[in-house]
Amino acid sequence: MDEQTFWQIILQAHDASHGNMARKCELLTTQIAQLSEEDAVEFRNIFDATMRRAYHWPLWAVAYLIHGGCGDAPLTEPTGAPRSETDPLTERLPKLAKKFW
Protein backbone atom coordinates (compact mmCIF):
# COMPACT_ATOMS: atom_id res chain seq x y z
CA MET A 1 0.00 0.00 0.00
CA ASP A 2 1.35 3.39 -0.97
CA GLU A 3 -0.26 6.84 -0.95
CA GLN A 4 -1.25 6.60 -4.60
CA THR A 5 -3.14 3.35 -3.95
CA PHE A 6 -4.65 4.86 -0.79
CA TRP A 7 -6.05 7.80 -2.77
CA GLN A 8 -7.27 5.50 -5.56
CA ILE A 9 -9.32 3.56 -2.99
CA ILE A 10 -10.68 6.81 -1.53
CA LEU A 11 -11.51 8.19 -4.99
CA GLN A 12 -13.24 5.00 -6.13
CA ALA A 13 -15.49 5.13 -3.08
CA HIS A 14 -16.05 8.85 -3.55
CA ASP A 15 -17.03 8.51 -7.20
CA ALA A 16 -19.26 5.48 -6.63
CA SER A 17 -21.08 7.07 -3.68
CA HIS A 18 -22.37 10.07 -5.66
CA GLY A 19 -22.12 12.33 -2.62
CA ASN A 20 -23.81 9.93 -0.18
CA MET A 21 -21.50 9.78 2.86
CA ALA A 22 -23.13 6.64 4.32
CA ARG A 23 -22.64 4.87 1.00
CA LYS A 24 -19.04 6.10 0.78
CA CYS A 25 -18.33 4.65 4.23
CA GLU A 26 -19.89 1.31 3.19
CA LEU A 27 -17.79 1.21 0.02
CA LEU A 28 -14.60 2.06 1.88
CA THR A 29 -15.31 -0.60 4.50
CA THR A 30 -15.84 -3.19 1.76
CA GLN A 31 -12.70 -2.19 -0.11
CA ILE A 32 -10.54 -2.15 3.03
CA ALA A 33 -11.91 -5.55 4.10
CA GLN A 34 -10.67 -6.99 0.80
CA LEU A 35 -7.09 -5.84 1.45
CA SER A 36 -4.46 -8.04 3.02
CA GLU A 37 -3.98 -7.45 6.73
CA GLU A 38 -0.67 -5.72 6.00
CA ASP A 39 -2.24 -3.39 3.42
CA ALA A 40 -5.22 -2.63 5.69
CA VAL A 41 -2.83 -1.61 8.48
CA GLU A 42 -0.85 0.53 6.04
CA PHE A 43 -4.11 2.11 4.80
CA ARG A 44 -4.84 3.10 8.40
CA ASN A 45 -1.30 4.45 8.81
CA ILE A 46 -1.61 6.59 5.68
CA PHE A 47 -5.05 7.78 6.82
CA ASP A 48 -3.67 8.77 10.23
CA ALA A 49 -0.69 10.57 8.65
CA THR A 50 -3.02 12.44 6.28
CA MET A 51 -5.18 13.58 9.20
CA ARG A 52 -2.08 14.70 11.16
CA ARG A 53 -0.95 16.77 8.15
CA ALA A 54 -4.39 18.39 8.02
CA TYR A 55 -4.23 19.56 11.64
CA HIS A 56 -1.36 22.03 11.40
CA TRP A 57 -1.68 25.76 11.91
CA PRO A 58 -0.45 26.94 8.46
CA LEU A 59 -3.01 24.72 6.74
CA TRP A 60 -5.80 25.94 9.00
CA ALA A 61 -4.71 29.56 8.53
CA VAL A 62 -4.94 29.27 4.75
CA ALA A 63 -8.29 27.48 4.98
CA TYR A 64 -9.49 30.24 7.29
CA LEU A 65 -8.41 32.91 4.79
CA ILE A 66 -9.95 31.10 1.83
CA HIS A 67 -13.26 30.39 3.54
CA GLY A 68 -13.52 33.50 5.72
CA GLY A 69 -13.34 31.34 8.85
CA CYS A 70 -13.53 27.60 9.25
CA GLY A 71 -14.12 24.65 11.50
CA ASP A 72 -12.96 21.25 10.33
CA ALA A 73 -15.51 21.05 7.51
CA PRO A 74 -13.11 22.37 4.83
CA LEU A 75 -10.53 19.75 5.83
CA THR A 76 -12.59 16.70 6.65
CA GLU A 77 -15.99 15.26 6.07
CA PRO A 78 -18.37 14.68 9.01
CA THR A 79 -17.18 11.13 9.70
CA GLY A 80 -13.53 12.16 9.94
CA ALA A 81 -12.64 10.79 6.51
CA PRO A 82 -10.12 12.91 4.63
CA ARG A 83 -11.73 14.78 1.80
CA SER A 84 -11.60 12.59 -1.24
CA GLU A 85 -11.09 14.70 -4.29
CA THR A 86 -8.76 14.22 -7.21
CA ASP A 87 -6.42 16.84 -5.77
CA PRO A 88 -6.89 16.42 -2.00
CA LEU A 89 -7.15 19.68 -0.07
CA THR A 90 -4.70 18.31 2.46
CA GLU A 91 -2.14 18.08 -0.34
CA ARG A 92 -2.76 21.49 -1.97
CA LEU A 93 -3.05 23.83 0.98
CA PRO A 94 0.33 23.16 2.65
CA LYS A 95 2.00 24.36 -0.56
CA LEU A 96 -0.14 27.49 -0.52
CA ALA A 97 0.47 27.98 3.21
CA LYS A 98 4.23 28.12 2.61
CA LYS A 99 3.67 31.25 0.53
CA PHE A 100 2.19 32.99 3.58
CA TRP A 101 4.75 31.81 6.15
PDB file of N, CA and C in Angstrom:
ATOM      1  N   MET A   1       0.864  -1.183   0.000  1.00  0.00           N
ATOM      2  CA  MET A   1       0.000   0.000   0.000  1.00  0.00           C
ATOM      3  C   MET A   1       0.896   1.227   0.000  1.00  0.00           C
ATOM      4  N   ASP A   2       0.668   2.101  -0.948  1.00  0.00           N
ATOM      5  CA  ASP A   2       1.348   3.388  -0.973  1.00  0.00           C
ATOM      6  C   ASP A   2       0.287   4.483  -1.031  1.00  0.00           C
ATOM      7  N   GLU A   3       0.728   5.750  -0.977  1.00  0.00           N
ATOM      8  CA  GLU A   3      -0.256   6.841  -0.954  1.00  0.00           C
ATOM      9  C   GLU A   3      -1.088   6.897  -2.230  1.00  0.00           C
ATOM     10  N   GLN A   4      -0.490   6.571  -3.351  1.00  0.00           N
ATOM     11  CA  GLN A   4      -1.247   6.599  -4.603  1.00  0.00           C
ATOM     12  C   GLN A   4      -2.397   5.581  -4.552  1.00  0.00           C
ATOM     13  N   THR A   5      -2.104   4.378  -4.081  1.00  0.00           N
ATOM     14  CA  THR A   5      -3.138   3.348  -3.953  1.00  0.00           C
ATOM     15  C   THR A   5      -4.186   3.770  -2.927  1.00  0.00           C
ATOM     16  N   PHE A   6      -3.732   4.338  -1.816  1.00  0.00           N
ATOM     17  CA  PHE A   6      -4.646   4.856  -0.786  1.00  0.00           C
ATOM     18  C   PHE A   6      -5.653   5.812  -1.412  1.00  0.00           C
ATOM     19  N   TRP A   7      -5.153   6.811  -2.177  1.00  0.00           N
ATOM     20  CA  TRP A   7      -6.049   7.796  -2.774  1.00  0.00           C
ATOM     21  C   TRP A   7      -6.917   7.188  -3.863  1.00  0.00           C
ATOM     22  N   GLN A   8      -6.429   6.172  -4.557  1.00  0.00           N
ATOM     23  CA  GLN A   8      -7.267   5.497  -5.556  1.00  0.00           C
ATOM     24  C   GLN A   8      -8.463   4.837  -4.875  1.00  0.00           C
ATOM     25  N   ILE A   9      -8.230   4.197  -3.738  1.00  0.00           N
ATOM     26  CA  ILE A   9      -9.321   3.560  -2.991  1.00  0.00           C
ATOM     27  C   ILE A   9     -10.320   4.620  -2.526  1.00  0.00           C
ATOM     28  N   ILE A  10      -9.812   5.723  -1.980  1.00  0.00           N
ATOM     29  CA  ILE A  10     -10.676   6.812  -1.529  1.00  0.00           C
ATOM     30  C   ILE A  10     -11.492   7.361  -2.698  1.00  0.00           C
ATOM     31  N   LEU A  11     -10.828   7.605  -3.828  1.00  0.00           N
ATOM     32  CA  LEU A  11     -11.508   8.190  -4.990  1.00  0.00           C
ATOM     33  C   LEU A  11     -12.547   7.252  -5.592  1.00  0.00           C
ATOM     34  N   GLN A  12     -12.255   5.958  -5.618  1.00  0.00           N
ATOM     35  CA  GLN A  12     -13.236   4.998  -6.132  1.00  0.00           C
ATOM     36  C   GLN A  12     -14.509   5.040  -5.281  1.00  0.00           C
ATOM     37  N   ALA A  13     -14.330   5.064  -3.975  1.00  0.00           N
ATOM     38  CA  ALA A  13     -15.492   5.128  -3.083  1.00  0.00           C
ATOM     39  C   ALA A  13     -16.219   6.462  -3.248  1.00  0.00           C
ATOM     40  N   HIS A  14     -15.448   7.523  -3.370  1.00  0.00           N
ATOM     41  CA  HIS A  14     -16.046   8.852  -3.547  1.00  0.00           C
ATOM     42  C   HIS A  14     -16.891   8.905  -4.820  1.00  0.00           C
ATOM     43  N   ASP A  15     -16.323   8.469  -5.919  1.00  0.00           N
ATOM     44  CA  ASP A  15     -17.030   8.514  -7.201  1.00  0.00           C
ATOM     45  C   ASP A  15     -18.271   7.619  -7.196  1.00  0.00           C
ATOM     46  N   ALA A  16     -18.150   6.431  -6.623  1.00  0.00           N
ATOM     47  CA  ALA A  16     -19.262   5.477  -6.628  1.00  0.00           C
ATOM     48  C   ALA A  16     -20.382   5.874  -5.667  1.00  0.00           C
ATOM     49  N   SER A  17     -20.074   6.707  -4.679  1.00  0.00           N
ATOM     50  CA  SER A  17     -21.081   7.071  -3.677  1.00  0.00           C
ATOM     51  C   SER A  17     -21.975   8.220  -4.121  1.00  0.00           C
ATOM     52  N   HIS A  18     -21.579   8.943  -5.140  1.00  0.00           N
ATOM     53  CA  HIS A  18     -22.374  10.067  -5.656  1.00  0.00           C
ATOM     54  C   HIS A  18     -22.800  11.031  -4.553  1.00  0.00           C
ATOM     55  N   GLY A  19     -21.850  11.349  -3.663  1.00  0.00           N
ATOM     56  CA  GLY A  19     -22.117  12.330  -2.620  1.00  0.00           C
ATOM     57  C   GLY A  19     -22.831  11.811  -1.387  1.00  0.00           C
ATOM     58  N   ASN A  20     -23.129  10.521  -1.336  1.00  0.00           N
ATOM     59  CA  ASN A  20     -23.812   9.933  -0.182  1.00  0.00           C
ATOM     60  C   ASN A  20     -22.754   9.418   0.793  1.00  0.00           C
ATOM     61  N   MET A  21     -22.560  10.128   1.919  1.00  0.00           N
ATOM     62  CA  MET A  21     -21.496   9.780   2.859  1.00  0.00           C
ATOM     63  C   MET A  21     -21.670   8.380   3.445  1.00  0.00           C
ATOM     64  N   ALA A  22     -22.892   7.986   3.770  1.00  0.00           N
ATOM     65  CA  ALA A  22     -23.126   6.643   4.318  1.00  0.00           C
ATOM     66  C   ALA A  22     -22.692   5.583   3.303  1.00  0.00           C
ATOM     67  N   ARG A  23     -23.036   5.814   2.051  1.00  0.00           N
ATOM     68  CA  ARG A  23     -22.640   4.869   0.998  1.00  0.00           C
ATOM     69  C   ARG A  23     -21.131   4.860   0.830  1.00  0.00           C
ATOM     70  N   LYS A  24     -20.498   6.032   0.901  1.00  0.00           N
ATOM     71  CA  LYS A  24     -19.041   6.097   0.780  1.00  0.00           C
ATOM     72  C   LYS A  24     -18.370   5.285   1.891  1.00  0.00           C
ATOM     73  N   CYS A  25     -18.882   5.408   3.103  1.00  0.00           N
ATOM     74  CA  CYS A  25     -18.326   4.646   4.229  1.00  0.00           C
ATOM     75  C   CYS A  25     -18.490   3.143   4.009  1.00  0.00           C
ATOM     76  N   GLU A  26     -19.658   2.735   3.495  1.00  0.00           N
ATOM     77  CA  GLU A  26     -19.888   1.314   3.194  1.00  0.00           C
ATOM     78  C   GLU A  26     -18.888   0.820   2.146  1.00  0.00           C
ATOM     79  N   LEU A  27     -18.707   1.606   1.091  1.00  0.00           N
ATOM     80  CA  LEU A  27     -17.793   1.213   0.021  1.00  0.00           C
ATOM     81  C   LEU A  27     -16.357   1.131   0.520  1.00  0.00           C
ATOM     82  N   LEU A  28     -15.949   2.103   1.329  1.00  0.00           N
ATOM     83  CA  LEU A  28     -14.597   2.063   1.883  1.00  0.00           C
ATOM     84  C   LEU A  28     -14.405   0.848   2.779  1.00  0.00           C
ATOM     85  N   THR A  29     -15.399   0.565   3.610  1.00  0.00           N
ATOM     86  CA  THR A  29     -15.312  -0.598   4.496  1.00  0.00           C
ATOM     87  C   THR A  29     -15.156  -1.877   3.685  1.00  0.00           C
ATOM     88  N   THR A  30     -15.925  -2.007   2.624  1.00  0.00           N
ATOM     89  CA  THR A  30     -15.844  -3.193   1.763  1.00  0.00           C
ATOM     90  C   THR A  30     -14.485  -3.293   1.101  1.00  0.00           C
ATOM     91  N   GLN A  31     -13.994  -2.172   0.577  1.00  0.00           N
ATOM     92  CA  GLN A  31     -12.697  -2.190  -0.109  1.00  0.00           C
ATOM     93  C   GLN A  31     -11.563  -2.495   0.856  1.00  0.00           C
ATOM     94  N   ILE A  32     -11.592  -1.902   2.044  1.00  0.00           N
ATOM     95  CA  ILE A  32     -10.538  -2.145   3.031  1.00  0.00           C
ATOM     96  C   ILE A  32     -10.579  -3.594   3.508  1.00  0.00           C
ATOM     97  N   ALA A  33     -11.769  -4.154   3.663  1.00  0.00           N
ATOM     98  CA  ALA A  33     -11.906  -5.554   4.101  1.00  0.00           C
ATOM     99  C   ALA A  33     -11.306  -6.529   3.090  1.00  0.00           C
ATOM    100  N   GLN A  34     -11.224  -6.129   1.839  1.00  0.00           N
ATOM    101  CA  GLN A  34     -10.667  -6.990   0.798  1.00  0.00           C
ATOM    102  C   GLN A  34      -9.140  -6.924   0.736  1.00  0.00           C
ATOM    103  N   LEU A  35      -8.546  -5.971   1.447  1.00  0.00           N
ATOM    104  CA  LEU A  35      -7.087  -5.836   1.454  1.00  0.00           C
ATOM    105  C   LEU A  35      -6.463  -6.909   2.346  1.00  0.00           C
ATOM    106  N   SER A  36      -5.200  -7.169   2.095  1.00  0.00           N
ATOM    107  CA  SER A  36      -4.465  -8.037   3.019  1.00  0.00           C
ATOM    108  C   SER A  36      -4.375  -7.321   4.361  1.00  0.00           C
ATOM    109  N   GLU A  37      -4.097  -8.061   5.411  1.00  0.00           N
ATOM    110  CA  GLU A  37      -3.981  -7.445   6.734  1.00  0.00           C
ATOM    111  C   GLU A  37      -2.893  -6.371   6.725  1.00  0.00           C
ATOM    112  N   GLU A  38      -1.790  -6.668   6.078  1.00  0.00           N
ATOM    113  CA  GLU A  38      -0.672  -5.715   6.002  1.00  0.00           C
ATOM    114  C   GLU A  38      -1.098  -4.422   5.281  1.00  0.00           C
ATOM    115  N   ASP A  39      -1.796  -4.562   4.159  1.00  0.00           N
ATOM    116  CA  ASP A  39      -2.245  -3.391   3.417  1.00  0.00           C
ATOM    117  C   ASP A  39      -3.317  -2.612   4.184  1.00  0.00           C
ATOM    118  N   ALA A  40      -4.189  -3.311   4.892  1.00  0.00           N
ATOM    119  CA  ALA A  40      -5.221  -2.634   5.687  1.00  0.00           C
ATOM    120  C   ALA A  40      -4.572  -1.799   6.799  1.00  0.00           C
ATOM    121  N   VAL A  41      -3.555  -2.351   7.436  1.00  0.00           N
ATOM    122  CA  VAL A  41      -2.835  -1.607   8.483  1.00  0.00           C
ATOM    123  C   VAL A  41      -2.141  -0.397   7.862  1.00  0.00           C
ATOM    124  N   GLU A  42      -1.526  -0.589   6.706  1.00  0.00           N
ATOM    125  CA  GLU A  42      -0.848   0.530   6.041  1.00  0.00           C
ATOM    126  C   GLU A  42      -1.860   1.588   5.585  1.00  0.00           C
ATOM    127  N   PHE A  43      -3.041   1.169   5.150  1.00  0.00           N
ATOM    128  CA  PHE A  43      -4.107   2.110   4.801  1.00  0.00           C
ATOM    129  C   PHE A  43      -4.413   2.986   6.013  1.00  0.00           C
ATOM    130  N   ARG A  44      -4.574   2.346   7.166  1.00  0.00           N
ATOM    131  CA  ARG A  44      -4.845   3.095   8.398  1.00  0.00           C
ATOM    132  C   ARG A  44      -3.699   4.054   8.720  1.00  0.00           C
ATOM    133  N   ASN A  45      -2.456   3.596   8.534  1.00  0.00           N
ATOM    134  CA  ASN A  45      -1.301   4.447   8.814  1.00  0.00           C
ATOM    135  C   ASN A  45      -1.274   5.670   7.902  1.00  0.00           C
ATOM    136  N   ILE A  46      -1.578   5.472   6.630  1.00  0.00           N
ATOM    137  CA  ILE A  46      -1.613   6.595   5.685  1.00  0.00           C
ATOM    138  C   ILE A  46      -2.762   7.532   6.038  1.00  0.00           C
ATOM    139  N   PHE A  47      -3.910   6.966   6.388  1.00  0.00           N
ATOM    140  CA  PHE A  47      -5.055   7.780   6.823  1.00  0.00           C
ATOM    141  C   PHE A  47      -4.661   8.644   8.016  1.00  0.00           C
ATOM    142  N   ASP A  48      -4.062   8.034   9.028  1.00  0.00           N
ATOM    143  CA  ASP A  48      -3.667   8.774  10.230  1.00  0.00           C
ATOM    144  C   ASP A  48      -2.660   9.874   9.894  1.00  0.00           C
ATOM    145  N   ALA A  49      -1.682   9.565   9.042  1.00  0.00           N
ATOM    146  CA  ALA A  49      -0.685  10.570   8.651  1.00  0.00           C
ATOM    147  C   ALA A  49      -1.332  11.722   7.892  1.00  0.00           C
ATOM    148  N   THR A  50      -2.306  11.400   7.034  1.00  0.00           N
ATOM    149  CA  THR A  50      -3.020  12.438   6.283  1.00  0.00           C
ATOM    150  C   THR A  50      -3.784  13.349   7.236  1.00  0.00           C
ATOM    151  N   MET A  51      -4.436  12.773   8.227  1.00  0.00           N
ATOM    152  CA  MET A  51      -5.178  13.580   9.197  1.00  0.00           C
ATOM    153  C   MET A  51      -4.219  14.445  10.022  1.00  0.00           C
ATOM    154  N   ARG A  52      -3.054  13.900  10.405  1.00  0.00           N
ATOM    155  CA  ARG A  52      -2.078  14.702  11.156  1.00  0.00           C
ATOM    156  C   ARG A  52      -1.604  15.885  10.325  1.00  0.00           C
ATOM    157  N   ARG A  53      -1.378  15.672   9.026  1.00  0.00           N
ATOM    158  CA  ARG A  53      -0.954  16.775   8.154  1.00  0.00           C
ATOM    159  C   ARG A  53      -2.033  17.847   8.059  1.00  0.00           C
ATOM    160  N   ALA A  54      -3.292  17.441   8.136  1.00  0.00           N
ATOM    161  CA  ALA A  54      -4.392  18.390   8.017  1.00  0.00           C
ATOM    162  C   ALA A  54      -4.524  19.274   9.253  1.00  0.00           C
ATOM    163  N   TYR A  55      -4.062  18.813  10.391  1.00  0.00           N
ATOM    164  CA  TYR A  55      -4.233  19.557  11.635  1.00  0.00           C
ATOM    165  C   TYR A  55      -2.952  20.297  12.025  1.00  0.00           C
ATOM    166  N   HIS A  56      -2.504  21.174  11.135  1.00  0.00           N
ATOM    167  CA  HIS A  56      -1.357  22.028  11.404  1.00  0.00           C
ATOM    168  C   HIS A  56      -1.774  23.469  11.157  1.00  0.00           C
ATOM    169  N   TRP A  57      -1.251  24.371  11.960  1.00  0.00           N
ATOM    170  CA  TRP A  57      -1.677  25.760  11.914  1.00  0.00           C
ATOM    171  C   TRP A  57      -1.589  26.390  10.526  1.00  0.00           C
ATOM    172  N   PRO A  58      -0.486  26.279   9.776  1.00  0.00           N
ATOM    173  CA  PRO A  58      -0.449  26.942   8.457  1.00  0.00           C
ATOM    174  C   PRO A  58      -1.584  26.495   7.539  1.00  0.00           C
ATOM    175  N   LEU A  59      -1.915  25.218   7.564  1.00  0.00           N
ATOM    176  CA  LEU A  59      -3.012  24.718   6.739  1.00  0.00           C
ATOM    177  C   LEU A  59      -4.332  25.329   7.183  1.00  0.00           C
ATOM    178  N   TRP A  60      -4.568  25.359   8.485  1.00  0.00           N
ATOM    179  CA  TRP A  60      -5.805  25.942   9.003  1.00  0.00           C
ATOM    180  C   TRP A  60      -5.865  27.433   8.705  1.00  0.00           C
ATOM    181  N   ALA A  61      -4.732  28.116   8.803  1.00  0.00           N
ATOM    182  CA  ALA A  61      -4.706  29.557   8.531  1.00  0.00           C
ATOM    183  C   ALA A  61      -5.112  29.849   7.090  1.00  0.00           C
ATOM    184  N   VAL A  62      -4.582  29.066   6.157  1.00  0.00           N
ATOM    185  CA  VAL A  62      -4.936  29.269   4.749  1.00  0.00           C
ATOM    186  C   VAL A  62      -6.406  28.927   4.527  1.00  0.00           C
ATOM    187  N   ALA A  63      -6.877  27.838   5.110  1.00  0.00           N
ATOM    188  CA  ALA A  63      -8.290  27.477   4.976  1.00  0.00           C
ATOM    189  C   ALA A  63      -9.173  28.587   5.559  1.00  0.00           C
ATOM    190  N   TYR A  64      -8.740  29.152   6.674  1.00  0.00           N
ATOM    191  CA  TYR A  64      -9.489  30.242   7.294  1.00  0.00           C
ATOM    192  C   TYR A  64      -9.569  31.437   6.344  1.00  0.00           C
ATOM    193  N   LEU A  65      -8.427  31.781   5.728  1.00  0.00           N
ATOM    194  CA  LEU A  65      -8.408  32.909   4.791  1.00  0.00           C
ATOM    195  C   LEU A  65      -9.277  32.643   3.566  1.00  0.00           C
ATOM    196  N   ILE A  66      -9.189  31.449   3.031  1.00  0.00           N
ATOM    197  CA  ILE A  66      -9.948  31.104   1.831  1.00  0.00           C
ATOM    198  C   ILE A  66     -11.449  31.109   2.100  1.00  0.00           C
ATOM    199  N   HIS A  67     -11.837  30.566   3.246  1.00  0.00           N
ATOM    200  CA  HIS A  67     -13.260  30.390   3.544  1.00  0.00           C
ATOM    201  C   HIS A  67     -13.838  31.487   4.430  1.00  0.00           C
ATOM    202  N   GLY A  68     -13.020  32.458   4.830  1.00  0.00           N
ATOM    203  CA  GLY A  68     -13.517  33.504   5.719  1.00  0.00           C
ATOM    204  C   GLY A  68     -13.883  32.957   7.078  1.00  0.00           C
ATOM    205  N   GLY A  69     -13.089  32.033   7.585  1.00  0.00           N
ATOM    206  CA  GLY A  69     -13.339  31.344   8.846  1.00  0.00           C
ATOM    207  C   GLY A  69     -13.578  29.882   8.556  1.00  0.00           C
ATOM    208  N   CYS A  70     -13.275  29.023   9.502  1.00  0.00           N
ATOM    209  CA  CYS A  70     -13.533  27.601   9.253  1.00  0.00           C
ATOM    210  C   CYS A  70     -13.481  26.794  10.536  1.00  0.00           C
ATOM    211  N   GLY A  71     -14.244  25.725  10.523  1.00  0.00           N
ATOM    212  CA  GLY A  71     -14.124  24.653  11.504  1.00  0.00           C
ATOM    213  C   GLY A  71     -13.376  23.547  10.777  1.00  0.00           C
ATOM    214  N   ASP A  72     -13.658  22.277  11.086  1.00  0.00           N
ATOM    215  CA  ASP A  72     -12.956  21.247  10.330  1.00  0.00           C
ATOM    216  C   ASP A  72     -13.641  20.863   9.038  1.00  0.00           C
ATOM    217  N   ALA A  73     -14.788  21.426   8.733  1.00  0.00           N
ATOM    218  CA  ALA A  73     -15.506  21.053   7.514  1.00  0.00           C
ATOM    219  C   ALA A  73     -14.681  21.214   6.241  1.00  0.00           C
ATOM    220  N   PRO A  74     -13.883  22.284   6.070  1.00  0.00           N
ATOM    221  CA  PRO A  74     -13.109  22.371   4.834  1.00  0.00           C
ATOM    222  C   PRO A  74     -12.027  21.301   4.729  1.00  0.00           C
ATOM    223  N   LEU A  75     -11.634  20.704   5.848  1.00  0.00           N
ATOM    224  CA  LEU A  75     -10.530  19.754   5.830  1.00  0.00           C
ATOM    225  C   LEU A  75     -10.983  18.308   5.895  1.00  0.00           C
ATOM    226  N   THR A  76     -12.118  18.078   6.500  1.00  0.00           N
ATOM    227  CA  THR A  76     -12.590  16.701   6.652  1.00  0.00           C
ATOM    228  C   THR A  76     -14.084  16.648   6.395  1.00  0.00           C
ATOM    229  N   GLU A  77     -14.556  15.456   6.190  1.00  0.00           N
ATOM    230  CA  GLU A  77     -15.990  15.259   6.071  1.00  0.00           C
ATOM    231  C   GLU A  77     -16.509  14.859   7.447  1.00  0.00           C
ATOM    232  N   PRO A  78     -17.818  14.875   7.659  1.00  0.00           N
ATOM    233  CA  PRO A  78     -18.367  14.676   9.006  1.00  0.00           C
ATOM    234  C   PRO A  78     -17.904  13.416   9.721  1.00  0.00           C
ATOM    235  N   THR A  79     -17.585  12.362   9.018  1.00  0.00           N
ATOM    236  CA  THR A  79     -17.184  11.132   9.699  1.00  0.00           C
ATOM    237  C   THR A  79     -15.698  11.101  10.003  1.00  0.00           C
ATOM    238  N   GLY A  80     -14.961  12.147   9.681  1.00  0.00           N
ATOM    239  CA  GLY A  80     -13.535  12.162   9.940  1.00  0.00           C
ATOM    240  C   GLY A  80     -12.725  11.634   8.777  1.00  0.00           C
ATOM    241  N   ALA A  81     -13.377  11.271   7.675  1.00  0.00           N
ATOM    242  CA  ALA A  81     -12.636  10.790   6.513  1.00  0.00           C
ATOM    243  C   ALA A  81     -11.970  11.958   5.821  1.00  0.00           C
ATOM    244  N   PRO A  82     -10.740  11.802   5.366  1.00  0.00           N
ATOM    245  CA  PRO A  82     -10.122  12.908   4.630  1.00  0.00           C
ATOM    246  C   PRO A  82     -10.958  13.208   3.395  1.00  0.00           C
ATOM    247  N   ARG A  83     -10.995  14.431   3.015  1.00  0.00           N
ATOM    248  CA  ARG A  83     -11.728  14.778   1.798  1.00  0.00           C
ATOM    249  C   ARG A  83     -11.177  13.959   0.664  1.00  0.00           C
ATOM    250  N   SER A  84     -12.043  13.458  -0.150  1.00  0.00           N
ATOM    251  CA  SER A  84     -11.604  12.587  -1.237  1.00  0.00           C
ATOM    252  C   SER A  84     -11.908  13.259  -2.569  1.00  0.00           C
ATOM    253  N   GLU A  85     -10.984  14.021  -3.007  1.00  0.00           N
ATOM    254  CA  GLU A  85     -11.090  14.696  -4.286  1.00  0.00           C
ATOM    255  C   GLU A  85      -9.853  14.344  -5.091  1.00  0.00           C
ATOM    256  N   THR A  86      -9.892  14.599  -6.382  1.00  0.00           N
ATOM    257  CA  THR A  86      -8.757  14.216  -7.214  1.00  0.00           C
ATOM    258  C   THR A  86      -7.483  14.923  -6.801  1.00  0.00           C
ATOM    259  N   ASP A  87      -7.573  16.119  -6.290  1.00  0.00           N
ATOM    260  CA  ASP A  87      -6.423  16.841  -5.770  1.00  0.00           C
ATOM    261  C   ASP A  87      -6.731  17.173  -4.324  1.00  0.00           C
ATOM    262  N   PRO A  88      -6.442  16.258  -3.381  1.00  0.00           N
ATOM    263  CA  PRO A  88      -6.891  16.418  -2.002  1.00  0.00           C
ATOM    264  C   PRO A  88      -6.480  17.760  -1.400  1.00  0.00           C
ATOM    265  N   LEU A  89      -7.411  18.404  -0.715  1.00  0.00           N
ATOM    266  CA  LEU A  89      -7.155  19.677  -0.072  1.00  0.00           C
ATOM    267  C   LEU A  89      -5.964  19.575   0.854  1.00  0.00           C
ATOM    268  N   THR A  90      -5.802  18.463   1.527  1.00  0.00           N
ATOM    269  CA  THR A  90      -4.696  18.313   2.456  1.00  0.00           C
ATOM    270  C   THR A  90      -3.357  18.267   1.730  1.00  0.00           C
ATOM    271  N   GLU A  91      -3.373  18.066   0.435  1.00  0.00           N
ATOM    272  CA  GLU A  91      -2.141  18.081  -0.343  1.00  0.00           C
ATOM    273  C   GLU A  91      -1.884  19.454  -0.946  1.00  0.00           C
ATOM    274  N   ARG A  92      -2.915  20.193  -1.307  1.00  0.00           N
ATOM    275  CA  ARG A  92      -2.760  21.486  -1.968  1.00  0.00           C
ATOM    276  C   ARG A  92      -2.464  22.621  -1.006  1.00  0.00           C
ATOM    277  N   LEU A  93      -3.163  22.676   0.111  1.00  0.00           N
ATOM    278  CA  LEU A  93      -3.054  23.835   0.979  1.00  0.00           C
ATOM    279  C   LEU A  93      -1.696  23.993   1.656  1.00  0.00           C
ATOM    280  N   PRO A  94      -0.988  22.929   2.052  1.00  0.00           N
ATOM    281  CA  PRO A  94       0.331  23.157   2.647  1.00  0.00           C
ATOM    282  C   PRO A  94       1.266  23.906   1.701  1.00  0.00           C
ATOM    283  N   LYS A  95       1.176  23.647   0.406  1.00  0.00           N
ATOM    284  CA  LYS A  95       2.001  24.357  -0.555  1.00  0.00           C
ATOM    285  C   LYS A  95       1.629  25.833  -0.576  1.00  0.00           C
ATOM    286  N   LEU A  96       0.327  26.115  -0.539  1.00  0.00           N
ATOM    287  CA  LEU A  96      -0.140  27.490  -0.523  1.00  0.00           C
ATOM    288  C   LEU A  96       0.238  28.154   0.802  1.00  0.00           C
ATOM    289  N   ALA A  97       0.149  27.418   1.892  1.00  0.00           N
ATOM    290  CA  ALA A  97       0.467  27.975   3.210  1.00  0.00           C
ATOM    291  C   ALA A  97       1.912  28.442   3.265  1.00  0.00           C
ATOM    292  N   LYS A  98       2.822  27.734   2.598  1.00  0.00           N
ATOM    293  CA  LYS A  98       4.229  28.120   2.615  1.00  0.00           C
ATOM    294  C   LYS A  98       4.438  29.506   2.016  1.00  0.00           C
ATOM    295  N   LYS A  99       3.564  29.914   1.127  1.00  0.00           N
ATOM    296  CA  LYS A  99       3.666  31.249   0.534  1.00  0.00           C
ATOM    297  C   LYS A  99       3.368  32.342   1.549  1.00  0.00           C
ATOM    298  N   PHE A 100       2.555  32.022   2.575  1.00  0.00           N
ATOM    299  CA  PHE A 100       2.187  32.991   3.575  1.00  0.00           C
ATOM    300  C   PHE A 100       3.160  33.015   4.757  1.00  0.00           C
ATOM    301  N   TRP A 101       3.860  31.902   4.996  1.00  0.00           N
ATOM    302  CA  TRP A 101       4.748  31.814   6.154  1.00  0.00           C
ATOM    303  C   TRP A 101       6.129  31.467   5.742  1.00  0.00           C
TER     304      TRP A 101
END
